[in-house]
Amino acid sequence: MPRQSKPAAAPLYFGLEQDELRALSAHAAVQNFPKNTVIINEGDRTDSIFVIASGRVKVYLRGEDGKEVILNVHGPGEYFGELVLDEGPRSASVATLETSRFFIISKADFQRFLSAHPDFAMKLINRLIHRVRALTENVGNLALLDVYGRVARLLLELAVEQDGKLVVTEKLTQKDIADRVGASREMVSRIFKDLVAGGYITLERKQITINKDLPPHW
């Protein structure tokens, strides 16, 4: 893997603005879920869109052997379930990472909202385009990068600059990282051990700090 700077962030913010959130949630049901609750199962047929008022969720796929691959993590102001517009089954599962609160909107109300808010409809289209590009890139990473390359890329994607260093502010376990890159926790643990020993990263209270350019290969 060649040395590289932090990848560019998504060009658009796809979450809801406050006025959009108020309009969309006006007729929504509100529901709270505890940590580690499955909200949507892959293959389900439902007619709801979920807006996250508080908390975080993971979007993931699970194989027949029980192994998970995390596709994305969403937080407050973001939404999921919009693919229900095509009336097909859910394409992935969604579960809470912490206690979470949702506005649950029916498909019919969501369609009316899109008709009344064309600017948001365009934002939704751009969000879906971005998701297709991200999924294409993920498939390419799985096919072309080794486990180390995928781990290094994930760290760079998640890191933000603080005091001249890149810091992954999200509290991630090595299992979390393994699930996101499609690898075993043991392999990720070995990679982290070597990166720490080489002074490339520092681990403190589950916070990862990238001290210098990550090596091109492991």
N, C-alpha and C. Protein backbone atom coordinates (compact mmCIF):
# COMPACT_ATOMS: atom_id res chain seq x y z
N MET A 1 0.85 -1.20 0.00
CA MET A 1 0.00 0.00 0.00
C MET A 1 0.88 1.24 0.00
N PRO A 2 0.74 2.15 -0.98
CA PRO A 2 1.57 3.33 -1.02
C PRO A 2 1.23 4.29 0.10
N ARG A 3 2.23 5.10 0.49
CA ARG A 3 1.96 6.13 1.48
C ARG A 3 0.92 7.09 0.90
N GLN A 4 0.09 7.56 1.81
CA GLN A 4 -0.95 8.48 1.33
C GLN A 4 -1.42 9.34 2.48
N SER A 5 -1.96 10.50 2.15
CA SER A 5 -2.56 11.36 3.16
C SER A 5 -3.97 10.88 3.43
N LYS A 6 -4.58 11.52 4.41
CA LYS A 6 -5.94 11.16 4.77
C LYS A 6 -6.86 11.34 3.57
N PRO A 7 -7.70 10.33 3.23
CA PRO A 7 -8.60 10.46 2.09
C PRO A 7 -9.57 11.62 2.28
N ALA A 8 -9.97 12.20 1.16
CA ALA A 8 -10.91 13.32 1.23
C ALA A 8 -12.24 12.87 1.80
N ALA A 9 -12.86 13.73 2.59
CA ALA A 9 -14.17 13.42 3.16
C ALA A 9 -15.23 13.50 2.07
N ALA A 10 -16.40 12.96 2.37
CA ALA A 10 -17.50 13.05 1.42
C ALA A 10 -17.79 14.51 1.11
N PRO A 11 -18.03 14.87 -0.14
CA PRO A 11 -18.17 16.27 -0.52
C PRO A 11 -19.44 16.93 -0.02
N LEU A 12 -20.43 16.12 0.34
CA LEU A 12 -21.70 16.70 0.78
C LEU A 12 -22.08 16.14 2.13
N TYR A 13 -22.81 16.96 2.92
CA TYR A 13 -23.34 16.49 4.19
C TYR A 13 -24.74 15.96 3.92
N PHE A 14 -24.94 14.67 4.17
CA PHE A 14 -26.19 14.04 3.78
C PHE A 14 -27.18 13.92 4.93
N GLY A 15 -26.82 14.40 6.11
CA GLY A 15 -27.75 14.36 7.22
C GLY A 15 -28.84 15.42 7.07
N LEU A 16 -29.77 15.42 8.00
CA LEU A 16 -30.89 16.35 7.95
C LEU A 16 -30.54 17.67 8.63
N GLU A 17 -30.90 18.78 8.00
CA GLU A 17 -30.83 20.07 8.65
C GLU A 17 -31.97 20.17 9.67
N GLN A 18 -31.86 21.13 10.59
CA GLN A 18 -32.86 21.22 11.65
C GLN A 18 -34.27 21.46 11.12
N ASP A 19 -34.43 22.32 10.10
CA ASP A 19 -35.77 22.57 9.57
C ASP A 19 -36.31 21.33 8.86
N GLU A 20 -35.43 20.59 8.18
CA GLU A 20 -35.84 19.35 7.52
C GLU A 20 -36.25 18.32 8.57
N LEU A 21 -35.48 18.24 9.64
CA LEU A 21 -35.78 17.29 10.70
C LEU A 21 -37.14 17.59 11.33
N ARG A 22 -37.42 18.86 11.58
CA ARG A 22 -38.72 19.23 12.17
C ARG A 22 -39.86 18.86 11.25
N ALA A 23 -39.71 19.16 9.95
CA ALA A 23 -40.79 18.88 9.00
C ALA A 23 -40.99 17.37 8.84
N LEU A 24 -39.91 16.62 8.77
CA LEU A 24 -40.02 15.19 8.53
C LEU A 24 -40.54 14.45 9.75
N SER A 25 -40.20 14.93 10.94
CA SER A 25 -40.59 14.23 12.15
C SER A 25 -41.95 14.67 12.69
N ALA A 26 -42.61 15.63 12.02
CA ALA A 26 -43.88 16.17 12.54
C ALA A 26 -44.93 15.07 12.74
N HIS A 27 -44.97 14.09 11.85
CA HIS A 27 -45.96 13.03 11.96
C HIS A 27 -45.31 11.67 12.25
N ALA A 28 -44.11 11.71 12.77
CA ALA A 28 -43.36 10.48 13.00
C ALA A 28 -43.68 9.87 14.36
N ALA A 29 -43.54 8.57 14.43
CA ALA A 29 -43.56 7.89 15.73
C ALA A 29 -42.17 8.00 16.32
N VAL A 30 -42.08 8.09 17.64
CA VAL A 30 -40.79 8.20 18.32
C VAL A 30 -40.59 6.94 19.16
N GLN A 31 -39.42 6.33 19.03
CA GLN A 31 -39.18 5.10 19.77
C GLN A 31 -37.73 5.03 20.22
N ASN A 32 -37.53 4.52 21.42
CA ASN A 32 -36.20 4.33 21.98
C ASN A 32 -35.82 2.84 21.93
N PHE A 33 -34.54 2.58 21.69
CA PHE A 33 -34.05 1.21 21.67
C PHE A 33 -32.77 1.12 22.49
N PRO A 34 -32.59 0.06 23.27
CA PRO A 34 -31.34 -0.11 24.02
C PRO A 34 -30.19 -0.50 23.11
N LYS A 35 -29.00 -0.50 23.66
CA LYS A 35 -27.79 -0.89 22.93
C LYS A 35 -27.91 -2.34 22.45
N ASN A 36 -27.33 -2.58 21.27
CA ASN A 36 -27.27 -3.93 20.68
C ASN A 36 -28.64 -4.49 20.30
N THR A 37 -29.55 -3.59 19.91
CA THR A 37 -30.87 -4.01 19.43
C THR A 37 -30.88 -3.98 17.91
N VAL A 38 -31.33 -5.06 17.29
CA VAL A 38 -31.46 -5.09 15.83
C VAL A 38 -32.72 -4.35 15.44
N ILE A 39 -32.57 -3.31 14.63
CA ILE A 39 -33.70 -2.49 14.19
C ILE A 39 -34.26 -3.02 12.88
N ILE A 40 -33.38 -3.42 11.99
CA ILE A 40 -33.77 -3.94 10.67
C ILE A 40 -32.96 -5.20 10.41
N ASN A 41 -33.60 -6.21 9.87
CA ASN A 41 -32.92 -7.41 9.43
C ASN A 41 -32.84 -7.43 7.91
N GLU A 42 -31.67 -7.79 7.40
CA GLU A 42 -31.52 -7.95 5.95
C GLU A 42 -32.59 -8.89 5.42
N GLY A 43 -33.25 -8.49 4.34
CA GLY A 43 -34.30 -9.31 3.74
C GLY A 43 -35.69 -8.98 4.21
N ASP A 44 -35.81 -8.18 5.30
CA ASP A 44 -37.14 -7.77 5.78
C ASP A 44 -37.85 -6.93 4.72
N ARG A 45 -39.15 -6.96 4.76
CA ARG A 45 -39.97 -6.05 3.95
C ARG A 45 -40.77 -5.18 4.90
N THR A 46 -40.38 -3.93 5.01
CA THR A 46 -41.07 -2.98 5.87
C THR A 46 -41.27 -1.68 5.10
N ASP A 47 -42.01 -0.76 5.68
CA ASP A 47 -42.33 0.48 4.95
C ASP A 47 -41.94 1.72 5.75
N SER A 48 -40.84 1.64 6.51
CA SER A 48 -40.46 2.75 7.38
C SER A 48 -39.06 3.25 7.08
N ILE A 49 -38.89 4.56 7.30
CA ILE A 49 -37.58 5.22 7.25
C ILE A 49 -37.28 5.67 8.67
N PHE A 50 -36.04 5.52 9.09
CA PHE A 50 -35.64 5.84 10.45
C PHE A 50 -34.69 7.03 10.45
N VAL A 51 -35.01 8.04 11.27
CA VAL A 51 -34.13 9.19 11.47
C VAL A 51 -33.58 9.10 12.88
N ILE A 52 -32.27 9.22 13.02
CA ILE A 52 -31.62 9.07 14.32
C ILE A 52 -31.68 10.40 15.07
N ALA A 53 -32.43 10.41 16.17
CA ALA A 53 -32.49 11.60 17.02
C ALA A 53 -31.29 11.63 17.97
N SER A 54 -30.91 10.48 18.49
CA SER A 54 -29.73 10.37 19.35
C SER A 54 -29.22 8.93 19.28
N GLY A 55 -27.94 8.77 19.58
CA GLY A 55 -27.34 7.44 19.54
C GLY A 55 -26.61 7.16 18.23
N ARG A 56 -26.17 5.92 18.06
CA ARG A 56 -25.46 5.51 16.85
C ARG A 56 -25.90 4.10 16.47
N VAL A 57 -25.85 3.81 15.17
CA VAL A 57 -26.19 2.48 14.68
C VAL A 57 -25.10 2.00 13.71
N LYS A 58 -25.02 0.69 13.56
CA LYS A 58 -24.15 0.11 12.54
C LYS A 58 -25.02 -0.53 11.47
N VAL A 59 -24.59 -0.40 10.23
CA VAL A 59 -25.23 -1.06 9.09
C VAL A 59 -24.30 -2.20 8.69
N TYR A 60 -24.82 -3.42 8.64
CA TYR A 60 -23.92 -4.56 8.46
C TYR A 60 -24.57 -5.70 7.69
N LEU A 61 -23.71 -6.59 7.21
CA LEU A 61 -24.13 -7.85 6.60
C LEU A 61 -23.61 -8.98 7.47
N ARG A 62 -24.37 -10.07 7.55
CA ARG A 62 -23.95 -11.22 8.34
C ARG A 62 -24.02 -12.47 7.48
N GLY A 63 -22.91 -13.22 7.44
CA GLY A 63 -22.86 -14.44 6.66
C GLY A 63 -23.51 -15.60 7.38
N GLU A 64 -23.64 -16.70 6.68
CA GLU A 64 -24.24 -17.89 7.28
C GLU A 64 -23.43 -18.41 8.46
N ASP A 65 -22.11 -18.10 8.48
CA ASP A 65 -21.27 -18.53 9.59
C ASP A 65 -21.32 -17.57 10.77
N GLY A 66 -22.16 -16.53 10.67
CA GLY A 66 -22.30 -15.57 11.75
C GLY A 66 -21.33 -14.41 11.70
N LYS A 67 -20.39 -14.44 10.76
CA LYS A 67 -19.41 -13.36 10.66
C LYS A 67 -20.05 -12.10 10.11
N GLU A 68 -19.71 -10.96 10.71
CA GLU A 68 -20.27 -9.68 10.30
C GLU A 68 -19.26 -8.86 9.52
N VAL A 69 -19.77 -8.08 8.57
CA VAL A 69 -19.00 -7.04 7.91
C VAL A 69 -19.79 -5.74 8.06
N ILE A 70 -19.20 -4.75 8.71
CA ILE A 70 -19.88 -3.48 8.93
C ILE A 70 -19.69 -2.59 7.71
N LEU A 71 -20.80 -2.14 7.15
CA LEU A 71 -20.77 -1.29 5.96
C LEU A 71 -20.67 0.18 6.30
N ASN A 72 -21.29 0.57 7.42
CA ASN A 72 -21.31 1.99 7.77
C ASN A 72 -21.75 2.16 9.21
N VAL A 73 -21.49 3.34 9.75
CA VAL A 73 -21.97 3.73 11.08
C VAL A 73 -22.64 5.08 10.93
N HIS A 74 -23.85 5.23 11.49
CA HIS A 74 -24.60 6.47 11.40
C HIS A 74 -24.87 7.03 12.80
N GLY A 75 -24.93 8.37 12.88
CA GLY A 75 -25.19 9.05 14.15
C GLY A 75 -26.34 10.03 14.04
N PRO A 76 -26.52 10.89 15.04
CA PRO A 76 -27.66 11.82 15.10
C PRO A 76 -27.77 12.68 13.84
N GLY A 77 -29.02 12.85 13.37
CA GLY A 77 -29.29 13.66 12.19
C GLY A 77 -29.21 12.88 10.90
N GLU A 78 -28.71 11.65 10.97
CA GLU A 78 -28.64 10.80 9.78
C GLU A 78 -29.84 9.87 9.74
N TYR A 79 -30.01 9.20 8.64
CA TYR A 79 -31.19 8.37 8.46
C TYR A 79 -30.82 7.11 7.70
N PHE A 80 -31.69 6.11 7.81
CA PHE A 80 -31.47 4.86 7.08
C PHE A 80 -32.83 4.25 6.76
N GLY A 81 -32.82 3.34 5.79
CA GLY A 81 -34.06 2.70 5.37
C GLY A 81 -34.69 3.33 4.15
N GLU A 82 -34.00 4.33 3.53
CA GLU A 82 -34.59 5.04 2.40
C GLU A 82 -34.74 4.16 1.16
N LEU A 83 -34.02 3.04 1.11
CA LEU A 83 -34.18 2.15 -0.04
C LEU A 83 -35.55 1.49 -0.08
N VAL A 84 -36.33 1.66 0.98
CA VAL A 84 -37.70 1.14 0.99
C VAL A 84 -38.53 1.77 -0.13
N LEU A 85 -38.06 2.88 -0.68
CA LEU A 85 -38.79 3.56 -1.76
C LEU A 85 -39.00 2.66 -2.97
N ASP A 86 -38.12 1.68 -3.16
CA ASP A 86 -38.30 0.80 -4.33
C ASP A 86 -39.14 -0.44 -4.00
N GLU A 87 -39.63 -0.51 -2.75
CA GLU A 87 -40.51 -1.60 -2.30
C GLU A 87 -39.81 -2.95 -2.27
N GLY A 88 -38.49 -2.96 -2.34
CA GLY A 88 -37.75 -4.21 -2.25
C GLY A 88 -37.42 -4.55 -0.81
N PRO A 89 -36.80 -5.72 -0.59
CA PRO A 89 -36.42 -6.11 0.77
C PRO A 89 -35.24 -5.28 1.26
N ARG A 90 -35.06 -5.25 2.57
CA ARG A 90 -33.94 -4.52 3.15
C ARG A 90 -32.63 -5.13 2.66
N SER A 91 -31.70 -4.27 2.29
CA SER A 91 -30.44 -4.74 1.70
C SER A 91 -29.37 -5.05 2.75
N ALA A 92 -29.59 -4.62 4.00
CA ALA A 92 -28.62 -4.86 5.06
C ALA A 92 -29.34 -4.81 6.40
N SER A 93 -28.67 -5.27 7.43
CA SER A 93 -29.21 -5.19 8.79
C SER A 93 -28.69 -3.93 9.47
N VAL A 94 -29.45 -3.46 10.48
CA VAL A 94 -29.06 -2.27 11.24
C VAL A 94 -29.28 -2.57 12.72
N ALA A 95 -28.28 -2.27 13.55
CA ALA A 95 -28.39 -2.49 15.00
C ALA A 95 -27.80 -1.30 15.74
N THR A 96 -28.30 -1.06 16.94
CA THR A 96 -27.82 0.07 17.74
C THR A 96 -26.46 -0.25 18.36
N LEU A 97 -25.58 0.75 18.38
CA LEU A 97 -24.29 0.63 19.05
C LEU A 97 -24.34 1.19 20.47
N GLU A 98 -25.39 1.93 20.75
CA GLU A 98 -25.63 2.50 22.08
C GLU A 98 -27.12 2.79 22.19
N THR A 99 -27.58 3.15 23.36
CA THR A 99 -28.99 3.50 23.51
C THR A 99 -29.34 4.60 22.50
N SER A 100 -30.40 4.40 21.74
CA SER A 100 -30.71 5.30 20.62
C SER A 100 -32.19 5.63 20.58
N ARG A 101 -32.46 6.79 20.00
CA ARG A 101 -33.84 7.29 19.86
C ARG A 101 -34.07 7.60 18.39
N PHE A 102 -35.22 7.16 17.86
CA PHE A 102 -35.49 7.31 16.44
C PHE A 102 -36.84 7.97 16.19
N PHE A 103 -36.89 8.75 15.11
CA PHE A 103 -38.15 9.15 14.51
C PHE A 103 -38.42 8.12 13.40
N ILE A 104 -39.58 7.49 13.44
CA ILE A 104 -39.91 6.46 12.45
C ILE A 104 -41.00 7.00 11.54
N ILE A 105 -40.69 7.11 10.25
CA ILE A 105 -41.58 7.75 9.28
C ILE A 105 -42.05 6.72 8.27
N SER A 106 -43.32 6.73 7.97
CA SER A 106 -43.84 5.80 6.98
C SER A 106 -43.37 6.18 5.58
N LYS A 107 -43.37 5.20 4.69
CA LYS A 107 -42.98 5.44 3.31
C LYS A 107 -43.84 6.52 2.68
N ALA A 108 -45.15 6.49 2.93
CA ALA A 108 -46.06 7.49 2.33
C ALA A 108 -45.72 8.89 2.80
N ASP A 109 -45.45 9.06 4.11
CA ASP A 109 -45.09 10.38 4.63
C ASP A 109 -43.74 10.83 4.07
N PHE A 110 -42.82 9.89 3.89
CA PHE A 110 -41.51 10.24 3.34
C PHE A 110 -41.64 10.69 1.89
N GLN A 111 -42.49 10.03 1.13
CA GLN A 111 -42.71 10.44 -0.26
C GLN A 111 -43.33 11.83 -0.34
N ARG A 112 -44.27 12.12 0.56
CA ARG A 112 -44.87 13.46 0.58
C ARG A 112 -43.82 14.51 0.95
N PHE A 113 -42.94 14.16 1.89
CA PHE A 113 -41.88 15.08 2.29
C PHE A 113 -40.96 15.38 1.11
N LEU A 114 -40.59 14.35 0.34
CA LEU A 114 -39.71 14.55 -0.81
C LEU A 114 -40.37 15.45 -1.85
N SER A 115 -41.67 15.30 -2.05
CA SER A 115 -42.39 16.13 -3.02
C SER A 115 -42.40 17.59 -2.59
N ALA A 116 -42.50 17.82 -1.28
CA ALA A 116 -42.59 19.19 -0.76
C ALA A 116 -41.21 19.82 -0.56
N HIS A 117 -40.15 19.01 -0.59
CA HIS A 117 -38.79 19.52 -0.33
C HIS A 117 -37.85 19.02 -1.44
N PRO A 118 -37.94 19.60 -2.64
CA PRO A 118 -37.10 19.13 -3.76
C PRO A 118 -35.61 19.26 -3.49
N ASP A 119 -35.20 20.24 -2.67
CA ASP A 119 -33.77 20.36 -2.37
C ASP A 119 -33.28 19.14 -1.61
N PHE A 120 -34.12 18.66 -0.69
CA PHE A 120 -33.72 17.47 0.05
C PHE A 120 -33.76 16.24 -0.86
N ALA A 121 -34.71 16.21 -1.79
CA ALA A 121 -34.77 15.08 -2.73
C ALA A 121 -33.46 14.98 -3.52
N MET A 122 -32.91 16.14 -3.92
CA MET A 122 -31.62 16.12 -4.63
C MET A 122 -30.51 15.67 -3.70
N LYS A 123 -30.57 16.08 -2.43
CA LYS A 123 -29.58 15.64 -1.46
C LYS A 123 -29.64 14.12 -1.30
N LEU A 124 -30.85 13.59 -1.29
CA LEU A 124 -31.02 12.13 -1.17
C LEU A 124 -30.41 11.42 -2.37
N ILE A 125 -30.62 11.96 -3.56
CA ILE A 125 -30.03 11.35 -4.76
C ILE A 125 -28.51 11.36 -4.66
N ASN A 126 -27.94 12.49 -4.23
CA ASN A 126 -26.49 12.58 -4.08
C ASN A 126 -25.98 11.61 -3.02
N ARG A 127 -26.76 11.44 -1.95
CA ARG A 127 -26.38 10.48 -0.91
C ARG A 127 -26.32 9.06 -1.48
N LEU A 128 -27.31 8.70 -2.27
CA LEU A 128 -27.34 7.36 -2.85
C LEU A 128 -26.19 7.16 -3.83
N ILE A 129 -25.86 8.21 -4.60
CA ILE A 129 -24.71 8.13 -5.51
C ILE A 129 -23.43 7.92 -4.70
N HIS A 130 -23.30 8.67 -3.61
CA HIS A 130 -22.11 8.53 -2.76
C HIS A 130 -22.02 7.12 -2.19
N ARG A 131 -23.15 6.55 -1.79
CA ARG A 131 -23.15 5.20 -1.24
C ARG A 131 -22.71 4.18 -2.29
N VAL A 132 -23.17 4.36 -3.53
CA VAL A 132 -22.75 3.44 -4.60
C VAL A 132 -21.25 3.54 -4.81
N ARG A 133 -20.73 4.77 -4.84
CA ARG A 133 -19.28 4.95 -5.02
C ARG A 133 -18.51 4.32 -3.86
N ALA A 134 -19.00 4.53 -2.62
CA ALA A 134 -18.31 3.99 -1.45
C ALA A 134 -18.32 2.46 -1.47
N LEU A 135 -19.46 1.88 -1.85
CA LEU A 135 -19.53 0.42 -1.91
C LEU A 135 -18.62 -0.13 -3.00
N THR A 136 -18.55 0.56 -4.13
CA THR A 136 -17.64 0.15 -5.20
C THR A 136 -16.20 0.18 -4.72
N GLU A 137 -15.86 1.25 -3.99
CA GLU A 137 -14.51 1.36 -3.45
C GLU A 137 -14.23 0.26 -2.44
N ASN A 138 -15.22 -0.05 -1.59
CA ASN A 138 -15.03 -1.11 -0.60
C ASN A 138 -14.80 -2.47 -1.26
N VAL A 139 -15.56 -2.73 -2.31
CA VAL A 139 -15.37 -3.99 -3.04
C VAL A 139 -13.97 -4.04 -3.63
N GLY A 140 -13.52 -2.92 -4.19
CA GLY A 140 -12.17 -2.85 -4.73
C GLY A 140 -11.11 -3.07 -3.66
N ASN A 141 -11.33 -2.48 -2.48
CA ASN A 141 -10.38 -2.66 -1.38
C ASN A 141 -10.29 -4.13 -0.97
N LEU A 142 -11.46 -4.77 -0.87
CA LEU A 142 -11.47 -6.18 -0.47
C LEU A 142 -10.74 -7.05 -1.50
N ALA A 143 -10.89 -6.68 -2.76
CA ALA A 143 -10.28 -7.48 -3.83
C ALA A 143 -8.80 -7.18 -4.02
N LEU A 144 -8.40 -5.91 -3.83
CA LEU A 144 -7.07 -5.50 -4.23
C LEU A 144 -6.11 -5.23 -3.07
N LEU A 145 -6.64 -4.94 -1.87
CA LEU A 145 -5.77 -4.64 -0.74
C LEU A 145 -5.71 -5.82 0.22
N ASP A 146 -4.53 -6.03 0.82
CA ASP A 146 -4.45 -7.05 1.86
C ASP A 146 -5.05 -6.50 3.15
N VAL A 147 -5.06 -7.31 4.21
CA VAL A 147 -5.71 -6.89 5.46
C VAL A 147 -5.06 -5.63 6.00
N TYR A 148 -3.72 -5.57 5.98
CA TYR A 148 -3.05 -4.37 6.48
C TYR A 148 -3.49 -3.15 5.68
N GLY A 149 -3.54 -3.26 4.37
CA GLY A 149 -3.94 -2.13 3.53
C GLY A 149 -5.33 -1.64 3.88
N ARG A 150 -6.25 -2.58 4.16
CA ARG A 150 -7.62 -2.20 4.52
C ARG A 150 -7.67 -1.53 5.89
N VAL A 151 -6.87 -2.04 6.84
CA VAL A 151 -6.83 -1.44 8.17
C VAL A 151 -6.26 -0.02 8.09
N ALA A 152 -5.15 0.13 7.37
CA ALA A 152 -4.51 1.45 7.25
C ALA A 152 -5.46 2.45 6.60
N ARG A 153 -6.16 2.01 5.56
CA ARG A 153 -7.08 2.91 4.87
C ARG A 153 -8.23 3.32 5.78
N LEU A 154 -8.76 2.36 6.55
CA LEU A 154 -9.86 2.68 7.47
C LEU A 154 -9.42 3.70 8.51
N LEU A 155 -8.24 3.53 9.07
CA LEU A 155 -7.75 4.48 10.08
C LEU A 155 -7.64 5.88 9.49
N LEU A 156 -7.12 5.97 8.28
CA LEU A 156 -6.98 7.28 7.63
C LEU A 156 -8.33 7.90 7.33
N GLU A 157 -9.30 7.07 6.95
CA GLU A 157 -10.63 7.59 6.64
C GLU A 157 -11.33 8.13 7.88
N LEU A 158 -11.10 7.49 9.03
CA LEU A 158 -11.80 7.87 10.25
C LEU A 158 -11.11 8.99 11.02
N ALA A 159 -9.82 9.21 10.76
CA ALA A 159 -9.03 10.14 11.56
C ALA A 159 -9.34 11.60 11.22
N VAL A 160 -9.28 12.44 12.26
CA VAL A 160 -9.40 13.89 12.10
C VAL A 160 -8.13 14.53 12.68
N GLU A 161 -7.78 15.70 12.19
CA GLU A 161 -6.55 16.34 12.63
C GLU A 161 -6.75 17.04 13.97
N GLN A 162 -5.87 16.77 14.91
CA GLN A 162 -5.87 17.42 16.22
C GLN A 162 -4.43 17.68 16.63
N ASP A 163 -4.09 18.94 16.84
CA ASP A 163 -2.73 19.32 17.27
C ASP A 163 -1.65 18.74 16.37
N GLY A 164 -1.90 18.77 15.07
CA GLY A 164 -0.89 18.33 14.12
C GLY A 164 -0.80 16.84 13.92
N LYS A 165 -1.69 16.07 14.58
CA LYS A 165 -1.69 14.62 14.42
C LYS A 165 -3.09 14.18 14.00
N LEU A 166 -3.15 13.00 13.43
CA LEU A 166 -4.43 12.42 13.04
C LEU A 166 -4.93 11.53 14.16
N VAL A 167 -6.17 11.77 14.60
CA VAL A 167 -6.74 11.05 15.74
C VAL A 167 -8.06 10.42 15.32
N VAL A 168 -8.22 9.14 15.61
CA VAL A 168 -9.49 8.46 15.41
C VAL A 168 -10.30 8.66 16.68
N THR A 169 -11.26 9.58 16.64
CA THR A 169 -12.01 9.94 17.84
C THR A 169 -13.07 8.90 18.20
N GLU A 170 -13.51 8.12 17.22
CA GLU A 170 -14.48 7.08 17.50
C GLU A 170 -13.82 5.98 18.32
N LYS A 171 -14.47 5.57 19.40
CA LYS A 171 -13.91 4.53 20.27
C LYS A 171 -14.15 3.17 19.64
N LEU A 172 -13.10 2.59 19.08
CA LEU A 172 -13.22 1.33 18.36
C LEU A 172 -12.41 0.24 19.04
N THR A 173 -13.00 -0.94 19.16
CA THR A 173 -12.24 -2.10 19.59
C THR A 173 -11.59 -2.72 18.36
N GLN A 174 -10.66 -3.62 18.59
CA GLN A 174 -10.03 -4.30 17.45
C GLN A 174 -11.04 -5.19 16.73
N LYS A 175 -12.03 -5.70 17.45
CA LYS A 175 -13.10 -6.46 16.80
C LYS A 175 -13.93 -5.56 15.89
N ASP A 176 -14.21 -4.33 16.35
CA ASP A 176 -14.95 -3.38 15.52
C ASP A 176 -14.21 -3.17 14.20
N ILE A 177 -12.90 -2.96 14.29
CA ILE A 177 -12.10 -2.72 13.10
C ILE A 177 -12.09 -3.95 12.21
N ALA A 178 -11.94 -5.13 12.83
CA ALA A 178 -11.94 -6.37 12.05
C ALA A 178 -13.25 -6.54 11.29
N ASP A 179 -14.37 -6.22 11.94
CA ASP A 179 -15.68 -6.33 11.28
C ASP A 179 -15.80 -5.36 10.11
N ARG A 180 -15.16 -4.21 10.22
CA ARG A 180 -15.27 -3.21 9.15
C ARG A 180 -14.40 -3.54 7.95
N VAL A 181 -13.32 -4.27 8.18
CA VAL A 181 -12.41 -4.55 7.05
C VAL A 181 -12.50 -5.99 6.58
N GLY A 182 -13.40 -6.77 7.18
CA GLY A 182 -13.57 -8.15 6.73
C GLY A 182 -12.38 -9.03 7.06
N ALA A 183 -11.90 -8.95 8.31
CA ALA A 183 -10.74 -9.73 8.72
C ALA A 183 -10.99 -10.30 10.12
N SER A 184 -10.07 -11.12 10.59
CA SER A 184 -10.19 -11.67 11.93
C SER A 184 -9.64 -10.67 12.95
N ARG A 185 -10.16 -10.76 14.19
CA ARG A 185 -9.66 -9.89 15.24
C ARG A 185 -8.19 -10.18 15.53
N GLU A 186 -7.80 -11.45 15.42
CA GLU A 186 -6.42 -11.83 15.69
C GLU A 186 -5.45 -11.17 14.71
N MET A 187 -5.84 -11.12 13.44
CA MET A 187 -4.98 -10.48 12.43
C MET A 187 -4.86 -8.98 12.71
N VAL A 188 -5.98 -8.33 13.03
CA VAL A 188 -5.94 -6.90 13.34
C VAL A 188 -5.09 -6.65 14.58
N SER A 189 -5.19 -7.53 15.58
CA SER A 189 -4.40 -7.39 16.80
C SER A 189 -2.91 -7.44 16.49
N ARG A 190 -2.48 -8.34 15.62
CA ARG A 190 -1.06 -8.43 15.26
C ARG A 190 -0.60 -7.17 14.53
N ILE A 191 -1.44 -6.67 13.63
CA ILE A 191 -1.09 -5.44 12.90
C ILE A 191 -0.94 -4.27 13.87
N PHE A 192 -1.87 -4.13 14.81
CA PHE A 192 -1.81 -3.03 15.77
C PHE A 192 -0.57 -3.15 16.66
N LYS A 193 -0.25 -4.38 17.06
CA LYS A 193 0.93 -4.59 17.91
C LYS A 193 2.18 -4.09 17.20
N ASP A 194 2.32 -4.39 15.93
CA ASP A 194 3.49 -3.95 15.17
C ASP A 194 3.49 -2.44 14.95
N LEU A 195 2.32 -1.86 14.68
CA LEU A 195 2.24 -0.41 14.46
C LEU A 195 2.58 0.35 15.74
N VAL A 196 2.13 -0.16 16.88
CA VAL A 196 2.47 0.47 18.16
C VAL A 196 3.96 0.34 18.43
N ALA A 197 4.51 -0.86 18.22
CA ALA A 197 5.93 -1.09 18.47
C ALA A 197 6.80 -0.18 17.59
N GLY A 198 6.34 0.09 16.38
CA GLY A 198 7.10 0.95 15.47
C GLY A 198 6.87 2.43 15.69
N GLY A 199 6.01 2.77 16.65
CA GLY A 199 5.74 4.18 16.94
C GLY A 199 4.82 4.86 15.95
N TYR A 200 4.20 4.06 15.07
CA TYR A 200 3.32 4.65 14.06
C TYR A 200 2.00 5.11 14.67
N ILE A 201 1.49 4.37 15.64
CA ILE A 201 0.24 4.74 16.29
C ILE A 201 0.40 4.61 17.80
N THR A 202 -0.47 5.33 18.52
CA THR A 202 -0.55 5.23 19.97
C THR A 202 -1.99 4.87 20.34
N LEU A 203 -2.14 3.95 21.27
CA LEU A 203 -3.45 3.55 21.75
C LEU A 203 -3.60 3.98 23.20
N GLU A 204 -4.64 4.76 23.47
CA GLU A 204 -4.90 5.20 24.84
C GLU A 204 -6.40 5.33 25.05
N ARG A 205 -6.94 4.49 25.93
CA ARG A 205 -8.37 4.49 26.24
C ARG A 205 -9.21 4.35 24.96
N LYS A 206 -8.81 3.40 24.12
CA LYS A 206 -9.49 3.09 22.87
C LYS A 206 -9.39 4.21 21.84
N GLN A 207 -8.61 5.25 22.13
CA GLN A 207 -8.39 6.31 21.14
C GLN A 207 -7.10 6.02 20.39
N ILE A 208 -7.19 6.07 19.07
CA ILE A 208 -6.03 5.77 18.22
C ILE A 208 -5.46 7.07 17.68
N THR A 209 -4.18 7.30 17.90
CA THR A 209 -3.50 8.47 17.36
C THR A 209 -2.46 8.00 16.34
N ILE A 210 -2.52 8.57 15.14
CA ILE A 210 -1.54 8.24 14.10
C ILE A 210 -0.41 9.25 14.23
N ASN A 211 0.75 8.78 14.66
CA ASN A 211 1.87 9.68 14.96
C ASN A 211 2.68 10.07 13.73
N LYS A 212 2.69 9.21 12.72
CA LYS A 212 3.47 9.48 11.51
C LYS A 212 2.89 8.65 10.37
N ASP A 213 3.40 8.91 9.16
CA ASP A 213 2.89 8.18 8.00
C ASP A 213 2.94 6.67 8.25
N LEU A 214 1.83 6.00 7.95
CA LEU A 214 1.82 4.56 8.12
C LEU A 214 2.69 3.91 7.05
N PRO A 215 3.34 2.80 7.38
CA PRO A 215 4.23 2.17 6.40
C PRO A 215 3.45 1.65 5.20
N PRO A 216 4.09 1.60 4.03
CA PRO A 216 3.39 1.17 2.82
C PRO A 216 3.00 -0.30 2.85
N HIS A 217 3.72 -1.10 3.63
CA HIS A 217 3.41 -2.53 3.70
C HIS A 217 3.59 -3.00 5.14
N TRP A 218 2.98 -4.15 5.43
CA TRP A 218 3.13 -4.76 6.76
C TRP A 218 3.79 -6.10 6.63
